[in-house]
Amino acid sequence: MKIFLILVCVLLNSVTHADRLLDPMPRTMSAHEYNLPDLAGKKHKLSDLKGKFVLINFWATSCTICRAELTTLQDMYDQLRHDSEFEIVAIHAGDDLQGVEELLALSPVSYAMLMDMDLELGHWGIPTLPTTYLITPDGMFSYRALGTRVWNAPNMIDFMHQIFDDYHANKAN
């Protein structure tokens, strides 16, 4: 019974976050650099994406809601990738390379999929999976999402456009 109640609480927490947008973060902290391989072994760095908004999603194959969220992230990417200033990077926490490959064979994504096999990114302070950060083009943390979101929802897409517009308006001043 105790396990059932814990499971219900976890699921309710996930559902209550799904319709939320992003939580603002103080824009005083630079995002941490990473140097992680993709599924083919090629290394990628956050600094390679400087000048772009980067949505970084931390997830794991063991997290059911994380796996489901990858599809809505792909839909968001399809809607926003025409903007050359936006990228999505999904970082798998753990060494389940085979599980990631099997999942992507069923539901391919066109955004970057990186592997943190040794959990090197613990300094990002990830309290739960999924956790997602939006990094500004100048490399600063700007927004965060703890738990799942509906990334392809019209209000989320509109919110992202507003973030882009506000950033550029503030840079112009």
C-alpha atoms as a PDB file:
ATOM      1  CA  MET A   1       0.000   0.000   0.000  1.00  0.00           C
ATOM      2  CA  LYS A   2       2.840   2.373   0.862  1.00  0.00           C
ATOM      3  CA  ILE A   3       4.460   1.802  -2.542  1.00  0.00           C
ATOM      4  CA  PHE A   4       1.112   2.422  -4.249  1.00  0.00           C
ATOM      5  CA  LEU A   5       0.701   5.780  -2.468  1.00  0.00           C
ATOM      6  CA  ILE A   6       4.223   6.833  -3.384  1.00  0.00           C
ATOM      7  CA  LEU A   7       3.577   5.906  -7.013  1.00  0.00           C
ATOM      8  CA  VAL A   8       0.314   7.888  -7.037  1.00  0.00           C
ATOM      9  CA  CYS A   9       2.110  10.943  -5.600  1.00  0.00           C
ATOM     10  CA  VAL A  10       4.843  10.739  -8.242  1.00  0.00           C
ATOM     11  CA  LEU A  11       2.290  10.416 -11.052  1.00  0.00           C
ATOM     12  CA  LEU A  12       0.182  13.299  -9.738  1.00  0.00           C
ATOM     13  CA  ASN A  13       3.286  15.458  -9.527  1.00  0.00           C
ATOM     14  CA  SER A  14       4.036  14.677 -13.173  1.00  0.00           C
ATOM     15  CA  VAL A  15       0.499  15.451 -14.311  1.00  0.00           C
ATOM     16  CA  THR A  16       0.297  18.746 -12.425  1.00  0.00           C
ATOM     17  CA  HIS A  17       3.489  19.989 -14.105  1.00  0.00           C
ATOM     18  CA  ALA A  18       2.509  18.962 -17.635  1.00  0.00           C
ATOM     19  CA  ASP A  19       0.307  22.000 -18.301  1.00  0.00           C
ATOM     20  CA  ARG A  20       2.767  24.518 -16.852  1.00  0.00           C
ATOM     21  CA  LEU A  21       5.172  26.559 -18.887  1.00  0.00           C
ATOM     22  CA  LEU A  22       8.718  27.281 -17.683  1.00  0.00           C
ATOM     23  CA  ASP A  23       9.906  28.651 -14.360  1.00  0.00           C
ATOM     24  CA  PRO A  24      12.195  31.702 -14.589  1.00  0.00           C
ATOM     25  CA  MET A  25      15.707  31.482 -13.181  1.00  0.00           C
ATOM     26  CA  PRO A  26      17.959  34.346 -12.115  1.00  0.00           C
ATOM     27  CA  ARG A  27      19.995  35.317 -15.157  1.00  0.00           C
ATOM     28  CA  THR A  28      23.163  35.650 -13.154  1.00  0.00           C
ATOM     29  CA  MET A  29      24.585  32.181 -13.663  1.00  0.00           C
ATOM     30  CA  SER A  30      26.322  30.846 -16.744  1.00  0.00           C
ATOM     31  CA  ALA A  31      25.328  27.408 -17.924  1.00  0.00           C
ATOM     32  CA  HIS A  32      27.914  24.739 -17.241  1.00  0.00           C
ATOM     33  CA  GLU A  33      29.991  23.447 -20.124  1.00  0.00           C
ATOM     34  CA  TYR A  34      29.645  19.829 -21.161  1.00  0.00           C
ATOM     35  CA  ASN A  35      31.644  17.621 -23.509  1.00  0.00           C
ATOM     36  CA  LEU A  36      29.486  14.580 -24.180  1.00  0.00           C
ATOM     37  CA  PRO A  37      29.220  12.006 -26.967  1.00  0.00           C
ATOM     38  CA  ASP A  38      26.237  11.470 -29.203  1.00  0.00           C
ATOM     39  CA  LEU A  39      25.134   7.941 -30.080  1.00  0.00           C
ATOM     40  CA  ALA A  40      27.863   7.677 -32.729  1.00  0.00           C
ATOM     41  CA  GLY A  41      30.549   8.727 -30.243  1.00  0.00           C
ATOM     42  CA  LYS A  42      31.101  12.266 -31.593  1.00  0.00           C
ATOM     43  CA  LYS A  43      31.711  14.767 -28.765  1.00  0.00           C
ATOM     44  CA  HIS A  44      29.552  17.884 -28.429  1.00  0.00           C
ATOM     45  CA  LYS A  45      30.030  20.993 -26.279  1.00  0.00           C
ATOM     46  CA  LEU A  46      27.487  23.558 -25.137  1.00  0.00           C
ATOM     47  CA  SER A  47      29.900  26.291 -26.230  1.00  0.00           C
ATOM     48  CA  ASP A  48      29.521  25.028 -29.826  1.00  0.00           C
ATOM     49  CA  LEU A  49      25.954  26.391 -29.675  1.00  0.00           C
ATOM     50  CA  LYS A  50      26.846  29.870 -28.390  1.00  0.00           C
ATOM     51  CA  GLY A  51      24.629  32.460 -30.036  1.00  0.00           C
ATOM     52  CA  LYS A  52      21.564  30.189 -29.944  1.00  0.00           C
ATOM     53  CA  PHE A  53      18.810  29.460 -27.477  1.00  0.00           C
ATOM     54  CA  VAL A  54      19.396  25.902 -26.278  1.00  0.00           C
ATOM     55  CA  LEU A  55      16.727  23.808 -24.587  1.00  0.00           C
ATOM     56  CA  ILE A  56      18.569  21.074 -22.668  1.00  0.00           C
ATOM     57  CA  ASN A  57      16.451  18.138 -21.524  1.00  0.00           C
ATOM     58  CA  PHE A  58      17.875  15.649 -19.004  1.00  0.00           C
ATOM     59  CA  TRP A  59      16.138  12.279 -19.166  1.00  0.00           C
ATOM     60  CA  ALA A  60      16.624   8.520 -18.770  1.00  0.00           C
ATOM     61  CA  THR A  61      15.185   5.409 -20.376  1.00  0.00           C
ATOM     62  CA  SER A  62      14.104   4.252 -16.915  1.00  0.00           C
ATOM     63  CA  CYS A  63      11.788   7.299 -16.687  1.00  0.00           C
ATOM     64  CA  THR A  64       8.498   6.574 -18.470  1.00  0.00           C
ATOM     65  CA  ILE A  65       7.369  10.202 -18.630  1.00  0.00           C
ATOM     66  CA  CYS A  66      10.794  11.197 -19.961  1.00  0.00           C
ATOM     67  CA  ARG A  67      10.464   8.799 -22.869  1.00  0.00           C
ATOM     68  CA  ALA A  68       6.998  10.115 -23.717  1.00  0.00           C
ATOM     69  CA  GLU A  69       8.240  13.703 -23.552  1.00  0.00           C
ATOM     70  CA  LEU A  70      10.803  13.142 -26.329  1.00  0.00           C
ATOM     71  CA  THR A  71       7.993  13.125 -28.913  1.00  0.00           C
ATOM     72  CA  THR A  72       6.589  16.482 -27.819  1.00  0.00           C
ATOM     73  CA  LEU A  73      10.136  17.880 -27.835  1.00  0.00           C
ATOM     74  CA  GLN A  74      10.469  16.700 -31.449  1.00  0.00           C
ATOM     75  CA  ASP A  75       7.187  18.420 -32.330  1.00  0.00           C
ATOM     76  CA  MET A  76       8.447  21.628 -30.695  1.00  0.00           C
ATOM     77  CA  TYR A  77      11.723  21.337 -32.582  1.00  0.00           C
ATOM     78  CA  ASP A  78       9.852  20.886 -35.868  1.00  0.00           C
ATOM     79  CA  GLN A  79       7.923  24.102 -35.165  1.00  0.00           C
ATOM     80  CA  LEU A  80      10.864  26.205 -33.949  1.00  0.00           C
ATOM     81  CA  ARG A  81      13.941  24.881 -35.752  1.00  0.00           C
ATOM     82  CA  HIS A  82      13.382  27.186 -38.718  1.00  0.00           C
ATOM     83  CA  ASP A  83      14.677  29.790 -36.276  1.00  0.00           C
ATOM     84  CA  SER A  84      18.433  29.315 -36.662  1.00  0.00           C
ATOM     85  CA  GLU A  85      18.835  30.574 -33.109  1.00  0.00           C
ATOM     86  CA  PHE A  86      17.154  27.554 -31.450  1.00  0.00           C
ATOM     87  CA  GLU A  87      18.401  24.051 -30.697  1.00  0.00           C
ATOM     88  CA  ILE A  88      17.274  21.188 -28.492  1.00  0.00           C
ATOM     89  CA  VAL A  89      19.778  18.906 -26.798  1.00  0.00           C
ATOM     90  CA  ALA A  90      18.559  15.806 -24.963  1.00  0.00           C
ATOM     91  CA  ILE A  91      21.049  14.363 -22.483  1.00  0.00           C
ATOM     92  CA  HIS A  92      20.463  10.801 -21.342  1.00  0.00           C
ATOM     93  CA  ALA A  93      21.569  10.267 -17.739  1.00  0.00           C
ATOM     94  CA  GLY A  94      23.188   6.850 -17.514  1.00  0.00           C
ATOM     95  CA  ASP A  95      24.830   4.170 -19.592  1.00  0.00           C
ATOM     96  CA  ASP A  96      21.806   2.521 -21.257  1.00  0.00           C
ATOM     97  CA  LEU A  97      23.037   3.112 -24.818  1.00  0.00           C
ATOM     98  CA  GLN A  98      21.145   0.081 -26.123  1.00  0.00           C
ATOM     99  CA  GLY A  99      17.891   1.270 -24.535  1.00  0.00           C
ATOM    100  CA  VAL A 100      18.306   4.734 -26.077  1.00  0.00           C
ATOM    101  CA  GLU A 101      19.016   3.245 -29.506  1.00  0.00           C
ATOM    102  CA  GLU A 102      15.964   0.964 -29.269  1.00  0.00           C
ATOM    103  CA  LEU A 103      13.723   3.860 -28.225  1.00  0.00           C
ATOM    104  CA  LEU A 104      14.988   6.089 -31.032  1.00  0.00           C
ATOM    105  CA  ALA A 105      14.468   3.295 -33.561  1.00  0.00           C
ATOM    106  CA  LEU A 106      10.764   3.423 -32.657  1.00  0.00           C
ATOM    107  CA  SER A 107      10.527   7.213 -32.244  1.00  0.00           C
ATOM    108  CA  PRO A 108      13.377   8.971 -34.044  1.00  0.00           C
ATOM    109  CA  VAL A 109      14.328  12.546 -33.186  1.00  0.00           C
ATOM    110  CA  SER A 110      16.264  15.071 -35.257  1.00  0.00           C
ATOM    111  CA  TYR A 111      17.662  17.110 -32.374  1.00  0.00           C
ATOM    112  CA  ALA A 112      20.943  16.258 -30.629  1.00  0.00           C
ATOM    113  CA  MET A 113      20.862  13.181 -28.391  1.00  0.00           C
ATOM    114  CA  LEU A 114      23.856  13.005 -26.046  1.00  0.00           C
ATOM    115  CA  MET A 115      24.918  10.404 -23.493  1.00  0.00           C
ATOM    116  CA  ASP A 116      26.099  11.241 -19.966  1.00  0.00           C
ATOM    117  CA  MET A 117      27.173   7.665 -19.274  1.00  0.00           C
ATOM    118  CA  ASP A 118      29.301   8.469 -16.225  1.00  0.00           C
ATOM    119  CA  LEU A 119      26.823  11.023 -14.824  1.00  0.00           C
ATOM    120  CA  GLU A 120      29.436  13.756 -15.191  1.00  0.00           C
ATOM    121  CA  LEU A 121      26.805  16.500 -15.160  1.00  0.00           C
ATOM    122  CA  GLY A 122      25.861  16.174 -11.505  1.00  0.00           C
ATOM    123  CA  HIS A 123      26.981  19.788 -11.012  1.00  0.00           C
ATOM    124  CA  TRP A 124      23.937  20.895 -13.025  1.00  0.00           C
ATOM    125  CA  GLY A 125      21.870  20.234  -9.894  1.00  0.00           C
ATOM    126  CA  ILE A 126      19.251  18.015 -11.496  1.00  0.00           C
ATOM    127  CA  PRO A 127      16.730  17.196  -8.740  1.00  0.00           C
ATOM    128  CA  THR A 128      14.418  14.999 -10.826  1.00  0.00           C
ATOM    129  CA  LEU A 129      13.953  13.560 -14.280  1.00  0.00           C
ATOM    130  CA  PRO A 130      12.988  15.020 -16.558  1.00  0.00           C
ATOM    131  CA  THR A 131      14.615  18.380 -15.891  1.00  0.00           C
ATOM    132  CA  THR A 132      14.901  20.918 -18.685  1.00  0.00           C
ATOM    133  CA  TYR A 133      16.830  24.192 -18.883  1.00  0.00           C
ATOM    134  CA  LEU A 134      16.591  27.005 -21.417  1.00  0.00           C
ATOM    135  CA  ILE A 135      19.953  28.640 -22.034  1.00  0.00           C
ATOM    136  CA  THR A 136      20.172  32.092 -23.649  1.00  0.00           C
ATOM    137  CA  PRO A 137      22.367  32.804 -26.681  1.00  0.00           C
ATOM    138  CA  ASP A 138      24.951  34.346 -24.352  1.00  0.00           C
ATOM    139  CA  GLY A 139      25.136  31.138 -22.302  1.00  0.00           C
ATOM    140  CA  MET A 140      23.067  32.084 -19.259  1.00  0.00           C
ATOM    141  CA  PHE A 141      20.431  29.995 -17.498  1.00  0.00           C
ATOM    142  CA  SER A 142      17.048  31.648 -18.089  1.00  0.00           C
ATOM    143  CA  TYR A 143      14.242  29.135 -17.479  1.00  0.00           C
ATOM    144  CA  ARG A 144      13.821  25.677 -15.990  1.00  0.00           C
ATOM    145  CA  ALA A 145      11.192  22.948 -15.990  1.00  0.00           C
ATOM    146  CA  LEU A 146      11.165  20.304 -13.277  1.00  0.00           C
ATOM    147  CA  GLY A 147       9.030  17.394 -14.409  1.00  0.00           C
ATOM    148  CA  THR A 148       7.297  16.847 -17.695  1.00  0.00           C
ATOM    149  CA  ARG A 149       5.813  19.495 -19.962  1.00  0.00           C
ATOM    150  CA  VAL A 150       3.726  19.413 -23.114  1.00  0.00           C
ATOM    151  CA  TRP A 151       6.411  20.983 -25.283  1.00  0.00           C
ATOM    152  CA  ASN A 152       4.318  21.106 -28.451  1.00  0.00           C
ATOM    153  CA  ALA A 153       1.280  22.798 -26.876  1.00  0.00           C
ATOM    154  CA  PRO A 154       0.335  26.054 -28.629  1.00  0.00           C
ATOM    155  CA  ASN A 155       0.754  28.071 -25.423  1.00  0.00           C
ATOM    156  CA  MET A 156       4.282  26.653 -24.980  1.00  0.00           C
ATOM    157  CA  ILE A 157       5.256  27.515 -28.563  1.00  0.00           C
ATOM    158  CA  ASP A 158       3.839  31.036 -28.112  1.00  0.00           C
ATOM    159  CA  PHE A 159       5.726  31.346 -24.816  1.00  0.00           C
ATOM    160  CA  MET A 160       8.995  30.372 -26.513  1.00  0.00           C
ATOM    161  CA  HIS A 161       8.437  32.963 -29.263  1.00  0.00           C
ATOM    162  CA  GLN A 162       7.807  35.565 -26.554  1.00  0.00           C
ATOM    163  CA  ILE A 163      11.069  34.601 -24.802  1.00  0.00           C
ATOM    164  CA  PHE A 164      12.978  34.981 -28.087  1.00  0.00           C
ATOM    165  CA  ASP A 165      11.356  38.357 -28.817  1.00  0.00           C
ATOM    166  CA  ASP A 166      11.925  39.687 -25.277  1.00  0.00           C
ATOM    167  CA  TYR A 167      15.567  38.628 -25.329  1.00  0.00           C
ATOM    168  CA  HIS A 168      16.234  40.410 -28.612  1.00  0.00           C
ATOM    169  CA  ALA A 169      14.312  43.517 -27.505  1.00  0.00           C
ATOM    170  CA  ASN A 170      16.382  43.707 -24.303  1.00  0.00           C
ATOM    171  CA  LYS A 171      19.633  43.216 -26.243  1.00  0.00           C
ATOM    172  CA  ALA A 172      18.680  46.063 -28.580  1.00  0.00           C
ATOM    173  CA  ASN A 173      18.292  48.482 -25.646  1.00  0.00           C
END
